[in-house]
């Protein structure tokens, strides 16, 4: 998953914050920490540094993910959106197509380091590459598998190597799954994924599925 920073066409108005004459910018940030107040505690000092450097005040609102998309759509329809907001990269292209976002190009893009500042695949995920950028990468997440060396050693299972196959992965997971108290139900599992999180579980399923050459759509373009 990646997050992007976008400039809305609504809000208080100037494409150049330094030209806003000290007016406040409105900023909708996504809720990334366990609570909204945790995000506020992290972001507020950083925004204070921005204000100190530019003279521009920032009115922060942290918006939970479950209501963010509808808030954005309402803002696009009404023209009363924030000056800057975070969006998920899965929304970038559709929101770009609304025409409600200001482009990041020319001097505005160069002022933040230009395209060269960003990982190319992250830039590509921000929208239609045939249209001017309306969002730039803000952060990204990397997913990986971790293993417990002590559990592997105790079970006599060889540790993973660079040439590990999916069958070896399944064999190790099976060998590490144990019913240690004999009640018929495993109490040690050889593989675990994040539970009760649709977003995290779907990301892991996508990554693992694609590594196994799984297809997202069949030959008739139906989702698999």
Protein backbone atom coordinates (compact mmCIF):
# COMPACT_ATOMS: atom_id res chain seq x y z
CA UNK A 1 0.00 0.00 0.00
CA UNK A 2 1.09 3.55 -0.70
CA UNK A 3 -0.18 6.93 0.37
CA UNK A 4 -0.20 10.00 -1.81
CA UNK A 5 -0.36 13.70 -1.10
CA UNK A 6 -2.74 15.61 -3.35
CA UNK A 7 -3.67 19.25 -3.76
CA UNK A 8 -7.39 19.95 -4.09
CA UNK A 9 -8.92 22.58 -6.28
CA UNK A 10 -11.22 23.62 -3.42
CA UNK A 11 -10.19 24.94 -0.02
CA UNK A 12 -8.59 28.27 0.63
CA UNK A 13 -7.09 28.55 -2.68
CA UNK A 14 -3.47 29.25 -3.66
CA UNK A 15 -1.39 26.75 -5.64
CA UNK A 16 1.72 28.17 -3.92
CA UNK A 17 1.51 28.03 -0.11
CA UNK A 18 4.24 30.65 0.16
CA UNK A 19 2.04 33.05 -1.79
CA UNK A 20 -0.92 32.65 0.52
CA UNK A 21 0.03 35.68 2.59
CA UNK A 22 -0.08 33.80 5.87
CA UNK A 23 -3.51 32.28 5.28
CA UNK A 24 -4.08 28.83 6.72
CA UNK A 25 -4.04 25.68 4.63
CA UNK A 26 -6.48 22.90 5.41
CA UNK A 27 -4.98 19.41 5.49
CA UNK A 28 -6.87 16.12 5.72
CA UNK A 29 -4.50 13.40 6.92
CA UNK A 30 -5.33 9.70 6.90
CA UNK A 31 -5.58 7.82 10.18
CA UNK A 32 -2.44 5.66 10.20
CA UNK A 33 -1.77 5.34 13.94
CA UNK A 34 -3.94 3.29 16.33
CA UNK A 35 -6.08 6.36 17.11
CA UNK A 36 -6.80 9.76 15.59
CA UNK A 37 -5.25 11.46 18.62
CA UNK A 38 -2.04 9.46 18.10
CA UNK A 39 -1.82 10.77 14.54
CA UNK A 40 -2.45 14.30 15.75
CA UNK A 41 0.34 13.95 18.30
CA UNK A 42 2.78 12.90 15.55
CA UNK A 43 1.71 15.39 12.88
CA UNK A 44 1.16 18.54 14.92
CA UNK A 45 4.86 19.14 15.77
CA UNK A 46 5.85 18.50 12.14
CA UNK A 47 3.27 20.96 10.85
CA UNK A 48 4.51 23.49 13.41
CA UNK A 49 7.96 23.20 11.79
CA UNK A 50 6.36 23.86 8.39
CA UNK A 51 4.63 26.96 9.78
CA UNK A 52 7.88 28.20 11.28
CA UNK A 53 9.65 27.82 7.94
CA UNK A 54 6.92 29.23 5.69
CA UNK A 55 4.69 31.40 7.87
CA UNK A 56 1.70 29.37 6.67
CA UNK A 57 -0.60 27.94 9.33
CA UNK A 58 -2.04 24.46 8.77
CA UNK A 59 -5.47 23.39 9.98
CA UNK A 60 -5.15 19.64 10.50
CA UNK A 61 -7.95 17.09 10.47
CA UNK A 62 -7.18 13.38 10.74
CA UNK A 63 -9.88 11.43 8.88
CA UNK A 64 -10.45 7.70 9.54
CA UNK A 65 -10.10 5.46 6.48
CA UNK A 66 -13.67 4.19 6.73
CA UNK A 67 -15.08 7.64 6.05
CA UNK A 68 -12.30 9.27 4.03
CA UNK A 69 -13.40 8.27 0.52
CA UNK A 70 -16.96 9.51 1.02
CA UNK A 71 -15.62 12.72 2.55
CA UNK A 72 -13.47 13.25 -0.54
CA UNK A 73 -16.36 12.56 -2.94
CA UNK A 74 -18.54 15.02 -1.06
CA UNK A 75 -15.75 17.59 -1.19
CA UNK A 76 -15.28 17.06 -4.92
CA UNK A 77 -19.01 17.52 -5.55
CA UNK A 78 -19.36 20.61 -3.40
CA UNK A 79 -16.06 22.29 -4.24
CA UNK A 80 -15.45 22.71 -0.51
CA UNK A 81 -12.52 20.35 -0.14
CA UNK A 82 -9.30 20.85 1.81
CA UNK A 83 -6.19 22.36 0.26
CA UNK A 84 -4.17 19.19 0.74
CA UNK A 85 -5.12 15.63 1.59
CA UNK A 86 -3.79 12.12 1.78
CA UNK A 87 -5.32 9.54 -0.53
CA UNK A 88 -4.74 5.84 -1.00
CA UNK A 89 -3.05 5.01 -4.29
CA UNK A 90 -5.95 2.69 -5.17
CA UNK A 91 -8.10 5.82 -5.45
CA UNK A 92 -5.59 8.02 -7.27
CA UNK A 93 -6.61 7.46 -10.87
CA UNK A 94 -10.37 7.77 -10.27
CA UNK A 95 -9.95 10.92 -8.18
CA UNK A 96 -7.54 12.37 -10.74
CA UNK A 97 -10.20 11.93 -13.42
CA UNK A 98 -12.66 14.16 -11.52
CA UNK A 99 -10.62 17.23 -12.46
CA UNK A 100 -10.97 18.54 -8.90
CA UNK A 101 -7.28 18.20 -8.08
CA UNK A 102 -4.57 20.68 -8.97
CA UNK A 103 -1.64 19.34 -11.03
CA UNK A 104 1.82 18.83 -9.61
CA UNK A 105 3.94 19.97 -12.56
CA UNK A 106 6.48 22.58 -13.59
CA UNK A 107 7.84 24.74 -10.79
CA UNK A 108 5.50 23.17 -8.21
CA UNK A 109 6.91 19.70 -8.91
CA UNK A 110 10.50 20.91 -9.08
CA UNK A 111 10.08 22.66 -5.74
CA UNK A 112 9.64 19.28 -4.06
CA UNK A 113 12.48 17.59 -5.96
CA UNK A 114 10.84 16.62 -9.25
CA UNK A 115 9.96 13.13 -10.43
CA UNK A 116 13.52 12.02 -9.72
CA UNK A 117 12.92 12.30 -5.99
CA UNK A 118 10.47 9.40 -6.03
CA UNK A 119 10.65 5.68 -6.75
CA UNK A 120 9.32 5.33 -10.34
CA UNK A 121 6.78 2.63 -9.46
CA UNK A 122 5.43 4.83 -6.65
CA UNK A 123 4.94 7.73 -9.06
CA UNK A 124 3.25 5.39 -11.55
CA UNK A 125 0.74 4.37 -8.87
CA UNK A 126 -0.48 7.94 -8.34
CA UNK A 127 -2.68 8.07 -11.45
CA UNK A 128 -2.87 8.07 -15.24
CA UNK A 129 0.67 8.50 -16.59
CA UNK A 130 -0.69 10.33 -19.65
CA UNK A 131 -2.10 13.10 -17.46
CA UNK A 132 -0.29 15.62 -15.26
CA UNK A 133 0.40 14.37 -11.76
CA UNK A 134 -2.24 15.39 -9.25
CA UNK A 135 -0.64 13.49 -6.37
CA UNK A 136 2.88 12.62 -5.29
CA UNK A 137 4.06 9.67 -3.16
CA UNK A 138 4.12 10.33 0.56
CA UNK A 139 4.95 6.92 2.02
CA UNK A 140 4.97 3.26 1.12
CA UNK A 141 4.78 -0.06 2.91
CA UNK A 142 6.79 -3.20 2.27
CA UNK A 143 5.53 -6.65 3.12
CA UNK A 144 7.70 -9.61 4.01
CA UNK A 145 7.67 -13.02 5.65
CA UNK A 146 9.51 -13.55 8.94
CA UNK A 147 10.34 -16.85 10.57
CA UNK A 148 11.15 -18.00 14.09
CA UNK A 149 14.62 -19.58 14.09
CA UNK A 150 14.08 -21.19 17.48
CA UNK A 151 10.92 -22.96 16.31
CA UNK A 152 12.67 -24.21 13.16
CA UNK A 153 15.59 -25.52 15.22
CA UNK A 154 13.35 -27.21 17.80
CA UNK A 155 11.40 -29.01 15.08
CA UNK A 156 14.52 -29.96 13.13
CA UNK A 157 13.24 -28.09 10.09
CA UNK A 158 15.90 -26.53 7.81
CA UNK A 159 15.79 -22.75 7.70
CA UNK A 160 14.66 -21.02 4.48
CA UNK A 161 17.27 -20.40 1.80
CA UNK A 162 17.29 -18.26 -1.33
CA UNK A 163 16.16 -21.26 -3.36
CA UNK A 164 13.19 -22.11 -1.14
CA UNK A 165 10.20 -23.43 -3.11
CA UNK A 166 6.53 -23.11 -2.29
CA UNK A 167 6.41 -26.84 -1.56
CA UNK A 168 9.23 -26.44 0.97
CA UNK A 169 7.31 -23.55 2.49
CA UNK A 170 4.18 -25.71 2.84
CA UNK A 171 6.18 -28.66 4.20
CA UNK A 172 7.82 -26.44 6.84
CA UNK A 173 4.49 -24.87 7.83
CA UNK A 174 2.97 -28.34 8.20
CA UNK A 175 5.89 -29.62 10.29
CA UNK A 176 5.75 -26.57 12.55
CA UNK A 177 2.01 -26.93 13.20
CA UNK A 178 1.67 -28.91 16.41
CA UNK A 179 -0.92 -30.06 18.92
CA UNK A 180 1.33 -29.87 21.96
CA UNK A 181 -1.27 -30.75 24.60
CA UNK A 182 -2.97 -33.59 22.73
CA UNK A 183 -6.47 -32.10 22.76
CA UNK A 184 -6.91 -32.50 19.01
CA UNK A 185 -6.55 -28.78 18.24
CA UNK A 186 -3.27 -27.22 17.12
CA UNK A 187 -1.89 -24.68 19.56
CA UNK A 188 1.21 -23.92 17.50
CA UNK A 189 0.78 -22.93 13.89
CA UNK A 190 3.49 -23.07 11.25
CA UNK A 191 2.18 -20.03 9.39
CA UNK A 192 0.07 -17.10 10.45
CA UNK A 193 -1.36 -14.02 8.73
CA UNK A 194 -2.87 -10.87 10.16
CA UNK A 195 -6.41 -11.54 11.31
CA UNK A 196 -9.47 -9.28 11.48
CA UNK A 197 -7.96 -6.90 8.92
CA UNK A 198 -9.40 -7.08 5.42
CA UNK A 199 -6.82 -4.63 4.06
CA UNK A 200 -3.73 -6.39 5.42
CA UNK A 201 -5.02 -9.88 4.63
CA UNK A 202 -5.91 -8.92 1.05
CA UNK A 203 -2.48 -7.40 0.51
CA UNK A 204 -0.76 -10.56 1.73
CA UNK A 205 -3.08 -12.77 -0.35
CA UNK A 206 -2.33 -10.67 -3.43
CA UNK A 207 1.44 -10.83 -2.91
CA UNK A 208 1.54 -14.56 -2.16
CA UNK A 209 -0.89 -15.34 -4.96
CA UNK A 210 1.07 -13.42 -7.58
CA UNK A 211 4.31 -15.07 -6.46
CA UNK A 212 2.63 -18.40 -7.17
CA UNK A 213 1.66 -17.08 -10.64
CA UNK A 214 -1.95 -16.67 -9.61
CA UNK A 215 -4.13 -14.60 -11.93
CA UNK A 216 -6.48 -11.81 -10.88
CA UNK A 217 -8.77 -12.43 -13.87
CA UNK A 218 -9.55 -15.44 -16.03
CA UNK A 219 -9.51 -15.52 -19.84
CA UNK A 220 -13.03 -14.08 -19.90
CA UNK A 221 -11.90 -11.15 -17.73
CA UNK A 222 -13.89 -12.40 -14.76
CA UNK A 223 -12.27 -11.97 -11.34
CA UNK A 224 -10.83 -15.21 -10.01
